[in-house]
Amino acid sequence: MFRILLILIISFNITYSQDYYLYVAAESDDTVSLLKFDGNNLSETERIVVGSYPTENEGPHGLTVDPNGKYWYLTLAHGNPFGKLIKYSTETNELVDETTLGLFPASMQISTVTGFLYCVNFNLHGDMKPSSVSVVDPETMTEITRIKTGSMPHGSRITSDGLKQYSVAMMSGELFEIDALSLEVSRILDLEDHSKMDHSKMDHSKMNDSKMDHSEMKHSNVKPTWVIPHPNKNVIYIAGNGSDEIIEVDSDSWKVSKRIKTGKGPYNVEISPNGKYMIATLKSIGSTGIWDLDSGKLLSEVKNSTSVSHGIAISPDSKYAFISVEGIGGEPGIVDVIDIKSQTLIDNVEIGKQAGGIAFWKMEI
């Protein structure tokens, strides 16, 4: 049916409107906004109240949409004591089911191969220690297992073939690869640039303790916050929030292949579905950087509409980047839409306070 419609459009030179839909969480307001972009104007079509306790802030943090587009999933970071994963219908935006995860569940994604949802448990509480990735069957909303990773894991993305899940541990400065089928950590990579480290300040007595957990020893200078595998190349990109860089990793050799200097505080990084552009939010300076991956050139740093740039969702046609921007204090959160090719900010819309987690839903003619 879509093919017939496309032929008619081309044959008769019919103009049409392409609409884009996405979900964005407001962490300090316990709301999620459904947004619509028609190619010119970005608008909020619905604001959904989330959480179970009206008197407490439960912190909606991570968002993802099922590959079939029928459900969207939300992590509530603040729990008693643990956080939750909530399942909603995209048809009604009503709650379908929920399950308890670990401490401060954050970003997540669903594998197209296993059908499982993989969610990092960021764990902001207590001493720095290894945390985990929760594996959930989203059909029954049952947590199958927790896989131990590093300290404060954040950024959670799956390869386009659905076989590998990657996350980065912010405080231990490591990249973790999980085999989506065996549900085990298959490889770990230290992301520190050891050529710049001052070894005279290291506590060598702790390094000689064989019982010491590696992730408890370290306090990362890189502070990686996000990871994204390239859609069709064996390359992974990591946001080094503490070292002001994007780290490129060759997944075949499992080595750092490039360090790309950025503006201050890169937080999230995404690759356009066509593989041509890399986009990163520069949280500390309220901007969004756009790179051409073929040339490696920074095309532009687009100033966002307010402070504290956060999340990124890119349209499947690789035309637009939707950026959630937190704001500060009592300011409303804002979502900016950027034309990737021209690197221009087209429009924005205000949502609830502290706009954060963002996920693309669908395109419609």
Protein backbone atom coordinates (compact mmCIF):
# COMPACT_ATOMS: atom_id res chain seq x y z
CA MET A 1 0.00 0.00 0.00
CA PHE A 2 2.80 2.42 0.92
CA ARG A 3 4.62 1.56 -2.33
CA ILE A 4 1.50 2.35 -4.40
CA LEU A 5 1.09 5.67 -2.57
CA LEU A 6 4.74 6.53 -3.21
CA ILE A 7 4.37 5.79 -6.96
CA LEU A 8 1.29 8.04 -7.13
CA ILE A 9 3.14 10.84 -5.33
CA ILE A 10 6.06 10.65 -7.77
CA SER A 11 3.90 10.23 -10.90
CA PHE A 12 1.54 13.11 -10.23
CA ASN A 13 3.98 15.36 -8.38
CA ILE A 14 1.74 15.33 -5.32
CA THR A 15 2.95 17.33 -2.32
CA TYR A 16 2.45 15.70 1.05
CA SER A 17 3.07 16.39 4.70
CA GLN A 18 5.41 14.13 6.65
CA ASP A 19 4.67 14.05 10.38
CA TYR A 20 7.13 12.90 13.03
CA TYR A 21 6.17 11.73 16.53
CA LEU A 22 8.32 11.27 19.63
CA TYR A 23 8.12 10.92 23.41
CA VAL A 24 10.09 13.06 25.89
CA ALA A 25 10.30 12.74 29.69
CA ALA A 26 10.34 15.66 32.13
CA GLU A 27 12.29 14.32 35.09
CA SER A 28 11.37 16.97 37.66
CA ASP A 29 7.66 17.06 36.76
CA ASP A 30 6.85 13.33 36.50
CA THR A 31 5.38 13.81 33.03
CA VAL A 32 6.01 12.50 29.53
CA SER A 33 5.11 14.60 26.48
CA LEU A 34 4.02 13.24 23.11
CA LEU A 35 5.32 15.64 20.45
CA LYS A 36 4.46 16.07 16.77
CA PHE A 37 6.63 17.76 14.14
CA ASP A 38 5.12 18.53 10.70
CA GLY A 39 8.32 19.65 9.01
CA ASN A 40 7.93 23.23 10.19
CA ASN A 41 6.32 23.33 13.62
CA LEU A 42 6.94 21.25 16.73
CA SER A 43 3.96 20.89 19.09
CA GLU A 44 2.96 18.99 22.23
CA THR A 45 -0.09 16.85 21.49
CA GLU A 46 -0.42 15.21 24.92
CA ARG A 47 1.16 15.41 28.37
CA ILE A 48 1.01 12.15 30.32
CA VAL A 49 1.33 12.13 34.12
CA VAL A 50 3.49 9.20 35.26
CA GLY A 51 4.37 7.70 38.65
CA SER A 52 2.39 6.29 41.55
CA TYR A 53 3.03 8.79 44.36
CA PRO A 54 1.58 12.30 43.79
CA THR A 55 3.55 13.80 46.70
CA GLU A 56 6.94 12.44 45.59
CA ASN A 57 9.12 13.05 42.55
CA GLU A 58 9.78 9.66 40.93
CA GLY A 59 12.09 10.91 38.19
CA PRO A 60 11.09 9.57 34.75
CA HIS A 61 14.48 9.10 33.15
CA GLY A 62 14.90 6.66 30.25
CA LEU A 63 12.53 6.15 27.32
CA THR A 64 12.38 3.61 24.50
CA VAL A 65 9.76 2.47 22.00
CA ASP A 66 9.18 -1.17 21.06
CA PRO A 67 10.47 -2.00 17.55
CA ASN A 68 6.88 -2.70 16.46
CA GLY A 69 5.77 0.73 17.72
CA LYS A 70 2.93 -0.63 19.87
CA TYR A 71 4.40 0.16 23.29
CA TRP A 72 6.68 2.69 24.92
CA TYR A 73 8.71 2.02 28.04
CA LEU A 74 9.77 4.38 30.80
CA THR A 75 12.18 4.04 33.72
CA LEU A 76 11.26 5.72 36.99
CA ALA A 77 14.64 6.34 38.57
CA HIS A 78 13.57 7.08 42.16
CA GLY A 79 12.10 4.17 44.07
CA ASN A 80 11.60 2.82 47.55
CA PRO A 81 14.32 1.65 47.42
CA PHE A 82 14.42 0.47 43.80
CA GLY A 83 13.30 2.04 40.54
CA LYS A 84 10.72 0.75 38.07
CA LEU A 85 10.19 -0.05 34.42
CA ILE A 86 6.73 0.97 33.17
CA LYS A 87 5.05 -0.22 29.94
CA TYR A 88 2.54 2.03 28.13
CA SER A 89 0.38 1.61 25.03
CA THR A 90 1.20 4.01 22.16
CA GLU A 91 -2.45 3.79 21.09
CA THR A 92 -3.88 5.11 24.37
CA ASN A 93 -0.77 6.25 26.34
CA GLU A 94 -2.21 4.33 29.28
CA LEU A 95 -0.19 2.13 31.65
CA VAL A 96 -0.14 -1.55 30.68
CA ASP A 97 2.22 -3.14 33.20
CA GLU A 98 5.27 -2.50 35.39
CA THR A 99 8.14 -4.26 37.12
CA THR A 100 10.81 -3.39 39.69
CA LEU A 101 14.43 -3.11 38.55
CA GLY A 102 17.61 -2.03 40.39
CA LEU A 103 18.83 1.23 41.87
CA PHE A 104 18.20 4.20 39.57
CA PRO A 105 17.33 2.40 36.30
CA ALA A 106 18.26 4.66 33.39
CA SER A 107 18.59 4.16 29.62
CA MET A 108 17.46 1.04 27.76
CA GLN A 109 16.67 -0.56 24.41
CA ILE A 110 14.98 -3.68 23.02
CA SER A 111 16.83 -6.22 20.86
CA THR A 112 15.14 -7.06 17.56
CA VAL A 113 16.57 -10.59 17.83
CA THR A 114 15.82 -11.69 21.40
CA GLY A 115 12.91 -9.33 22.04
CA PHE A 116 14.39 -8.63 25.48
CA LEU A 117 14.78 -5.18 26.97
CA TYR A 118 18.23 -4.32 28.39
CA CYS A 119 18.31 -1.52 31.00
CA VAL A 120 21.26 -0.13 32.97
CA ASN A 121 20.91 0.41 36.73
CA PHE A 122 22.85 3.64 37.27
CA ASN A 123 22.97 3.36 41.10
CA LEU A 124 23.58 6.84 42.50
CA HIS A 125 23.33 5.58 46.07
CA GLY A 126 26.09 4.82 48.56
CA ASP A 127 29.70 3.94 47.77
CA MET A 128 31.05 3.59 44.27
CA LYS A 129 30.73 -0.08 43.35
CA PRO A 130 29.82 -2.26 40.37
CA SER A 131 26.19 -2.11 39.25
CA SER A 132 24.27 -4.03 36.58
CA VAL A 133 22.21 -4.33 33.43
CA SER A 134 18.70 -5.70 33.94
CA VAL A 135 17.34 -8.00 31.22
CA VAL A 136 13.54 -7.94 31.00
CA ASP A 137 11.00 -9.88 28.95
CA PRO A 138 8.76 -6.93 27.94
CA GLU A 139 5.86 -9.19 27.02
CA THR A 140 5.45 -10.53 30.56
CA MET A 141 7.35 -7.64 32.22
CA THR A 142 9.53 -10.13 34.07
CA GLU A 143 13.15 -9.41 34.97
CA ILE A 144 15.09 -12.44 33.74
CA THR A 145 18.54 -11.62 35.11
CA ARG A 146 20.93 -8.87 36.17
CA ILE A 147 24.36 -8.78 34.58
CA LYS A 148 27.13 -7.24 36.66
CA THR A 149 29.01 -4.40 34.93
CA GLY A 150 30.84 -1.29 36.17
CA SER A 151 30.30 1.61 38.50
CA MET A 152 27.39 3.90 37.50
CA PRO A 153 26.54 2.36 34.11
CA HIS A 154 24.81 4.78 31.74
CA GLY A 155 24.12 4.97 28.02
CA SER A 156 22.61 1.72 26.76
CA ARG A 157 22.42 0.87 23.06
CA ILE A 158 22.14 -2.29 20.96
CA THR A 159 23.72 -3.03 17.58
CA SER A 160 21.47 -2.86 14.51
CA ASP A 161 21.62 -6.67 14.18
CA GLY A 162 20.32 -7.00 17.77
CA LEU A 163 23.19 -9.25 18.90
CA LYS A 164 25.31 -6.98 21.12
CA GLN A 165 24.39 -4.55 23.89
CA TYR A 166 26.80 -1.81 24.90
CA SER A 167 26.90 0.34 28.01
CA VAL A 168 29.49 2.60 29.63
CA ALA A 169 30.30 2.85 33.33
CA MET A 170 30.65 6.51 34.21
CA MET A 171 32.75 6.22 37.36
CA SER A 172 34.92 3.23 36.42
CA GLY A 173 35.46 4.55 32.87
CA GLU A 174 34.79 1.31 31.02
CA LEU A 175 32.92 0.11 27.94
CA PHE A 176 30.99 -3.14 28.38
CA GLU A 177 29.83 -5.47 25.62
CA ILE A 178 27.08 -7.94 26.47
CA ASP A 179 26.19 -10.87 24.21
CA ALA A 180 22.41 -10.49 23.79
CA LEU A 181 21.97 -14.25 23.36
CA SER A 182 24.15 -15.66 26.14
CA LEU A 183 23.33 -12.74 28.48
CA GLU A 184 26.95 -12.49 29.59
CA VAL A 185 29.60 -9.77 29.44
CA SER A 186 31.76 -10.71 26.46
CA ARG A 187 34.34 -7.87 26.54
CA ILE A 188 35.40 -4.90 28.70
CA LEU A 189 37.50 -1.96 27.51
CA ASP A 190 39.27 0.64 29.66
CA LEU A 191 38.56 4.03 28.07
CA GLU A 192 41.18 6.10 29.90
CA ASP A 193 43.95 7.83 27.95
CA HIS A 194 46.85 6.46 30.00
CA SER A 195 49.37 8.66 28.20
CA LYS A 196 47.88 11.64 30.04
CA MET A 197 47.51 10.04 33.47
CA ASP A 198 49.70 11.14 36.41
CA HIS A 199 50.88 7.76 37.71
CA SER A 200 52.62 9.38 40.67
CA LYS A 201 49.19 10.01 42.26
CA MET A 202 48.00 6.42 41.94
CA ASP A 203 47.68 4.28 45.06
CA HIS A 204 49.89 1.34 44.11
CA SER A 205 49.19 -0.47 47.38
CA LYS A 206 45.57 -0.92 46.27
CA MET A 207 46.67 -2.04 42.83
CA ASN A 208 48.53 -4.97 44.36
CA ASP A 209 45.49 -6.20 46.28
CA SER A 210 44.24 -9.20 44.27
CA LYS A 211 40.90 -9.07 46.09
CA MET A 212 40.26 -5.48 45.03
CA ASP A 213 37.52 -5.11 42.40
CA HIS A 214 38.93 -3.20 39.39
CA SER A 215 35.89 -0.93 39.17
CA GLU A 216 36.20 -0.01 42.85
CA MET A 217 39.87 1.00 42.36
CA LYS A 218 39.27 3.56 39.66
CA HIS A 219 37.79 7.02 39.50
CA SER A 220 37.49 7.81 35.82
CA ASN A 221 38.78 10.97 34.20
CA VAL A 222 36.76 10.21 31.05
CA LYS A 223 33.40 9.81 32.86
CA PRO A 224 31.68 8.22 29.85
CA THR A 225 27.95 8.91 29.76
CA TRP A 226 26.74 7.51 26.44
CA VAL A 227 27.55 4.89 23.80
CA ILE A 228 26.23 4.30 20.29
CA PRO A 229 27.33 1.63 17.77
CA HIS A 230 27.48 2.73 14.11
CA PRO A 231 24.46 1.36 12.19
CA ASN A 232 26.52 -0.36 9.47
CA LYS A 233 30.21 -0.23 10.49
CA ASN A 234 32.11 -2.03 13.24
CA VAL A 235 32.71 1.18 15.14
CA ILE A 236 31.39 2.43 18.48
CA TYR A 237 31.24 6.05 19.69
CA ILE A 238 31.35 7.08 23.36
CA ALA A 239 30.70 10.47 24.97
CA GLY A 240 33.58 11.32 27.31
CA ASN A 241 31.76 13.79 29.54
CA GLY A 242 34.75 14.36 31.82
CA SER A 243 37.45 14.48 29.14
CA ASP A 244 35.52 16.64 26.62
CA GLU A 245 35.84 14.17 23.77
CA ILE A 246 34.07 11.58 21.66
CA ILE A 247 35.95 8.28 21.78
CA GLU A 248 35.86 6.06 18.70
CA VAL A 249 36.36 2.34 19.32
CA ASP A 250 37.06 -0.27 16.64
CA SER A 251 34.87 -3.18 17.68
CA ASP A 252 36.94 -5.70 15.66
CA SER A 253 40.27 -4.90 17.33
CA TRP A 254 38.53 -3.74 20.55
CA LYS A 255 40.81 -0.73 20.80
CA VAL A 256 40.37 3.04 20.89
CA SER A 257 40.88 4.16 17.28
CA LYS A 258 40.33 7.91 17.65
CA ARG A 259 39.69 10.64 20.22
CA ILE A 260 37.69 13.58 18.87
CA LYS A 261 37.90 16.77 20.94
CA THR A 262 34.57 18.50 21.56
CA GLY A 263 33.13 21.45 23.40
CA LYS A 264 32.73 21.08 27.16
CA GLY A 265 30.68 18.23 28.60
CA PRO A 266 29.49 15.94 25.77
CA TYR A 267 26.63 13.95 27.25
CA ASN A 268 24.66 11.98 24.66
CA VAL A 269 25.87 10.96 21.20
CA GLU A 270 23.87 9.43 18.34
CA ILE A 271 24.59 8.42 14.73
CA SER A 272 22.08 9.18 11.97
CA PRO A 273 20.43 6.02 10.55
CA ASN A 274 22.14 6.61 7.18
CA GLY A 275 25.50 6.52 8.98
CA LYS A 276 26.61 9.94 7.70
CA TYR A 277 26.34 12.19 10.74
CA MET A 278 27.35 12.07 14.39
CA ILE A 279 25.41 14.32 16.76
CA ALA A 280 26.34 15.04 20.38
CA THR A 281 24.80 17.20 23.07
CA LEU A 282 27.38 19.44 24.77
CA LYS A 283 25.65 19.62 28.12
CA SER A 284 27.94 22.11 29.86
CA ILE A 285 27.66 24.79 27.16
CA GLY A 286 24.04 24.27 26.02
CA SER A 287 24.89 23.35 22.44
CA THR A 288 24.61 20.46 20.00
CA GLY A 289 27.56 19.41 17.80
CA ILE A 290 27.13 17.91 14.32
CA TRP A 291 29.98 16.01 12.60
CA ASP A 292 30.32 14.62 9.09
CA LEU A 293 31.60 11.07 9.67
CA ASP A 294 33.10 10.64 6.18
CA SER A 295 35.42 13.63 6.58
CA GLY A 296 35.54 13.65 10.38
CA LYS A 297 34.83 17.38 10.23
CA LEU A 298 32.79 19.30 12.79
CA LEU A 299 30.09 20.94 10.67
CA SER A 300 28.53 23.13 13.33
CA GLU A 301 27.80 23.71 17.00
CA VAL A 302 24.17 24.74 17.17
CA LYS A 303 23.23 26.78 20.24
CA ASN A 304 20.24 25.23 22.01
CA SER A 305 17.23 27.21 23.19
CA THR A 306 18.14 27.00 26.87
CA SER A 307 20.81 25.56 29.17
CA VAL A 308 21.86 21.94 29.86
CA SER A 309 21.48 20.03 26.59
CA HIS A 310 20.57 16.40 27.27
CA GLY A 311 19.11 13.74 24.95
CA ILE A 312 18.96 13.12 21.20
CA ALA A 313 16.46 11.37 18.93
CA ILE A 314 17.09 11.29 15.17
CA SER A 315 14.32 10.73 12.62
CA PRO A 316 14.59 7.48 10.60
CA ASP A 317 15.05 9.49 7.38
CA SER A 318 18.15 11.16 8.94
CA LYS A 319 16.71 14.64 8.31
CA TYR A 320 16.06 15.93 11.83
CA ALA A 321 17.59 15.74 15.30
CA PHE A 322 15.30 16.32 18.28
CA ILE A 323 17.19 17.56 21.34
CA SER A 324 15.86 17.59 24.91
CA VAL A 325 17.22 20.55 26.89
CA GLU A 326 16.77 20.52 30.66
CA GLY A 327 16.82 24.22 31.57
CA ILE A 328 17.82 25.34 35.08
CA GLY A 329 15.90 26.07 38.26
CA GLY A 330 12.19 26.48 37.64
CA GLU A 331 12.54 26.87 33.87
CA PRO A 332 10.47 24.57 31.67
CA GLY A 333 12.30 21.95 29.68
CA ILE A 334 12.53 22.54 25.95
CA VAL A 335 12.79 20.26 22.92
CA ASP A 336 14.63 21.71 19.92
CA VAL A 337 14.36 20.35 16.38
CA ILE A 338 17.46 20.78 14.20
CA ASP A 339 17.69 20.33 10.45
CA ILE A 340 20.78 18.11 10.19
CA LYS A 341 21.79 18.96 6.63
CA SER A 342 21.64 22.75 7.09
CA GLN A 343 22.56 22.62 10.81
CA THR A 344 19.81 25.09 11.69
CA LEU A 345 17.40 25.15 14.61
CA ILE A 346 13.92 25.09 13.06
CA ASP A 347 11.55 25.19 16.02
CA ASN A 348 11.16 24.31 19.70
CA VAL A 349 8.45 23.58 22.24
CA GLU A 350 8.27 23.86 26.03
CA ILE A 351 7.44 20.77 28.08
CA GLY A 352 7.77 19.91 31.79
CA LYS A 353 10.81 20.74 33.91
CA GLN A 354 14.15 18.99 33.29
CA ALA A 355 13.54 17.50 29.85
CA GLY A 356 15.67 14.37 29.58
CA GLY A 357 14.88 10.94 28.15
CA ILE A 358 13.74 11.10 24.53
CA ALA A 359 12.68 8.42 22.01
CA PHE A 360 11.43 8.57 18.43
CA TRP A 361 8.11 6.80 17.81
CA LYS A 362 6.99 6.98 14.16
CA MET A 363 6.76 8.85 10.85
CA GLU A 364 3.39 9.29 9.14
CA ILE A 365 2.29 10.72 5.80
